[in-house]
Amino acid sequence: QVQPVESGGGLVQAGGSLRLSCTTSGRTFSNRAMGWFRQAPGKEREFVAALGWRGLLYYADSVKARFTISRDNAKNTVYLQMNSLKPEDTAVYYCAGHSSGSYYDPDSYGSWGQGTQVTVSS
C-alpha cells in the first residue's frame, strides 16, 4: 500500500487557522475513502474527519463547524481546513486510507502517513 504524506502543520495561536494536506498516489485514489485522525501526547488516536463513499462527510463532534475535509482527485490530495483552532486541538494529525468498516475506527484504515504536528498556543 502507498503511504500518504501529510503536510501543513505548524504553530498557530488560538482562533487561527491551518490547512493540512495529504497526498498519496495510486490509480484508485478517487474511489477511496480517506480520513484524518489525531493523537495528543498520552492519548489514544482519535477520529477527526472522513470523506467517505459518494463524498459523504463525517466529523467528530469536537471539530464540527470548525474543520472541513475535502479532496482534489486531480492532485491525489485530501485537505483538512481547520478554523477557530483551540489549544485542545494540539496533536499530531494523521491521514489514512480507508479499507473497510467504520469510518470512525482507526482499525478500519489500512495505510497511514507519518503525521504532521499541529500546536495551538493559548
Protein backbone atom coordinates (compact mmCIF):
# COMPACT_ATOMS: atom_id res chain seq x y z
CA GLN A 1 0.00 0.00 0.00
CA VAL A 2 1.16 3.50 -0.77
CA GLN A 3 1.81 5.63 2.27
CA PRO A 4 0.16 9.05 2.36
CA VAL A 5 2.29 12.11 3.08
CA GLU A 6 0.90 14.85 5.30
CA SER A 7 1.98 18.49 5.37
CA GLY A 8 0.79 21.87 6.57
CA GLY A 9 1.15 21.56 10.31
CA GLY A 10 2.71 24.21 12.48
CA LEU A 11 2.34 26.56 15.40
CA VAL A 12 -0.69 28.84 15.49
CA GLN A 13 -2.42 30.97 18.08
CA ALA A 14 -5.84 30.08 19.38
CA GLY A 15 -8.50 31.28 16.98
CA GLY A 16 -6.22 30.87 13.99
CA SER A 17 -6.40 28.57 11.00
CA LEU A 18 -4.32 25.92 9.28
CA ARG A 19 -4.84 23.76 6.24
CA LEU A 20 -3.40 20.29 6.25
CA SER A 21 -2.72 18.39 3.06
CA CYS A 22 -2.41 14.68 2.49
CA THR A 23 -1.00 13.49 -0.79
CA THR A 24 -0.96 9.92 -1.93
CA SER A 25 -0.68 8.02 -5.17
CA GLY A 26 -2.42 5.19 -6.86
CA ARG A 27 -4.97 4.78 -9.55
CA THR A 28 -7.76 4.10 -7.07
CA PHE A 29 -7.36 7.26 -5.01
CA SER A 30 -10.51 8.90 -6.33
CA ASN A 31 -12.54 5.85 -5.28
CA ARG A 32 -11.07 5.51 -1.84
CA ALA A 33 -12.46 6.97 1.34
CA MET A 34 -9.91 8.94 3.33
CA GLY A 35 -9.79 10.03 6.92
CA TRP A 36 -7.98 12.33 9.32
CA PHE A 37 -7.12 11.31 12.85
CA ARG A 38 -5.11 12.97 15.59
CA GLN A 39 -3.14 11.88 18.60
CA ALA A 40 -2.16 14.07 21.51
CA PRO A 41 0.63 13.07 23.93
CA GLY A 42 -0.55 10.37 26.31
CA LYS A 43 -3.84 9.91 24.49
CA GLU A 44 -5.20 7.42 22.01
CA ARG A 45 -5.52 8.21 18.35
CA GLU A 46 -8.93 9.77 17.75
CA PHE A 47 -11.12 10.30 14.72
CA VAL A 48 -11.32 13.82 13.30
CA ALA A 49 -12.97 13.66 9.89
CA ALA A 50 -13.58 11.37 6.95
CA LEU A 51 -14.61 11.74 3.38
CA GLY A 52 -16.46 8.56 2.66
CA TRP A 53 -18.10 6.76 -0.20
CA ARG A 54 -20.02 9.01 -2.58
CA GLY A 55 -18.49 12.02 -0.90
CA LEU A 56 -20.35 11.76 2.37
CA LEU A 57 -18.65 13.70 5.16
CA TYR A 58 -18.12 12.62 8.74
CA TYR A 59 -16.83 14.74 11.62
CA ALA A 60 -16.05 14.32 15.27
CA ASP A 61 -18.37 16.40 17.42
CA SER A 62 -15.40 18.33 18.78
CA VAL A 63 -14.50 19.73 15.35
CA LYS A 64 -17.88 20.13 13.66
CA ALA A 65 -18.43 23.62 12.23
CA ARG A 66 -14.71 24.36 12.60
CA PHE A 67 -12.98 21.78 10.39
CA THR A 68 -13.70 20.89 6.78
CA ILE A 69 -12.44 17.86 4.89
CA SER A 70 -12.21 17.97 1.11
CA ARG A 71 -10.33 16.35 -1.73
CA ASP A 72 -8.86 17.17 -5.11
CA ASN A 73 -8.72 13.95 -7.12
CA ALA A 74 -6.68 15.58 -9.87
CA LYS A 75 -3.93 16.16 -7.30
CA ASN A 76 -4.49 12.93 -5.33
CA THR A 77 -4.79 15.14 -2.27
CA VAL A 78 -7.09 15.34 0.71
CA TYR A 79 -7.28 18.52 2.76
CA LEU A 80 -8.31 19.39 6.28
CA GLN A 81 -9.16 23.06 6.72
CA MET A 82 -9.03 23.90 10.40
CA ASN A 83 -10.54 27.16 11.63
CA SER A 84 -11.08 28.63 15.09
CA LEU A 85 -8.35 26.43 16.45
CA LYS A 86 -8.21 25.73 20.17
CA PRO A 87 -5.33 24.61 22.39
CA GLU A 88 -7.08 21.24 22.77
CA ASP A 89 -6.64 20.70 19.02
CA THR A 90 -2.90 20.33 19.61
CA ALA A 91 -1.84 16.90 18.36
CA VAL A 92 -0.09 15.03 15.60
CA TYR A 93 -2.52 14.77 12.72
CA TYR A 94 -2.55 11.68 10.53
CA CYS A 95 -4.08 10.98 7.18
CA ALA A 96 -5.17 7.45 6.32
CA GLY A 97 -6.77 5.47 3.55
CA HIS A 98 -9.91 3.59 4.48
CA SER A 99 -10.05 -0.16 3.99
CA SER A 100 -13.30 -1.43 5.48
CA GLY A 101 -15.51 -0.90 8.47
CA SER A 102 -16.49 2.15 10.44
CA TYR A 103 -15.05 5.47 9.31
CA TYR A 104 -14.67 6.41 12.97
CA ASP A 105 -12.42 3.46 13.85
CA PRO A 106 -8.69 3.76 13.15
CA ASP A 107 -8.53 -0.01 12.70
CA SER A 108 -10.65 0.44 9.56
CA TYR A 109 -7.79 2.19 7.81
CA GLY A 110 -5.01 0.39 6.03
CA SER A 111 -2.37 2.94 5.16
CA TRP A 112 -1.13 5.73 7.36
CA GLY A 113 1.11 8.71 6.88
CA GLN A 114 3.84 9.81 9.28
CA GLY A 115 1.78 12.65 10.66
CA THR A 116 2.16 16.41 10.92
CA GLN A 117 2.35 18.32 14.19
CA VAL A 118 -0.23 20.97 14.97
CA THR A 119 0.36 23.14 18.02
CA VAL A 120 -2.17 25.73 19.13
CA SER A 121 -1.00 28.24 21.72
CA SER A 122 -3.35 29.98 24.11
